[in-house]
Protein backbone atom coordinates (compact mmCIF):
# COMPACT_ATOMS: atom_id res chain seq x y z
CA MET A 1 90.84 81.44 101.85
CA LEU A 2 94.33 82.11 100.62
CA GLU A 3 97.16 80.02 101.92
CA LYS A 4 100.17 81.60 103.63
CA GLN A 5 102.36 81.07 100.54
CA GLU A 6 99.78 82.84 98.33
CA LEU A 7 99.48 85.73 100.77
CA LEU A 8 103.26 86.26 100.66
CA GLN A 9 103.13 86.61 96.86
CA ILE A 10 100.61 89.49 96.86
CA VAL A 11 102.16 92.75 95.72
CA GLY A 12 100.25 95.98 96.28
CA GLY A 13 100.66 99.42 94.87
CA ILE A 14 99.07 102.81 94.44
CA ASN A 15 97.48 104.11 91.28
CA ILE A 16 97.68 107.82 90.64
CA THR A 17 94.65 108.62 88.53
CA GLY A 18 93.54 111.80 86.87
CA SER A 19 90.73 112.23 89.37
CA LEU A 20 93.19 112.01 92.30
CA ILE A 21 95.45 114.65 90.75
CA SER A 22 92.42 116.84 90.05
CA ALA A 23 91.20 116.53 93.64
CA ILE A 24 94.64 117.45 95.00
CA HIS A 25 94.79 120.44 92.66
CA ARG A 26 91.33 121.62 93.75
CA GLY A 27 92.33 121.28 97.41
CA ILE A 28 95.49 123.32 96.91
CA SER A 29 93.52 125.96 94.97
CA VAL A 30 90.98 126.28 97.78
CA ILE A 31 93.74 126.71 100.37
CA MET A 32 95.41 129.35 98.20
CA ASP A 33 92.14 131.26 97.72
CA VAL A 34 91.43 131.23 101.46
CA GLY A 35 94.94 132.54 102.12
CA ARG A 36 94.52 135.35 99.60
CA SER A 37 91.16 136.34 101.01
CA LEU A 38 92.43 136.28 104.58
CA GLY A 39 95.54 138.28 103.68
CA SER A 40 93.47 140.84 101.80
CA ALA A 41 91.05 141.19 104.72
CA ILE A 42 93.91 141.68 107.18
CA ARG A 43 95.56 144.26 104.91
CA ARG A 44 92.30 146.19 104.53
CA ALA A 45 91.64 146.08 108.28
CA ILE A 46 95.13 147.35 109.13
CA GLY A 47 95.04 150.01 106.40
CA GLY A 48 91.62 151.23 107.50
CA THR A 49 90.06 150.75 104.06
CA MET A 50 87.21 148.51 105.22
CA CYS A 51 83.79 149.34 103.79
CA PRO A 52 81.27 150.21 106.51
CA ILE A 53 78.39 147.76 106.70
């Protein structure tokens, strides 16, 4: 076990790695793609250019 004095000397931090940046980028890209798809679907529905299924 660490003593109280040793616990007070611990300094923490955050490491920004390439994989973290890549994961954030992928998340933002997915949100952007969903927004584009939703906007396009709304525009087609309002404009009446939906393909009949």
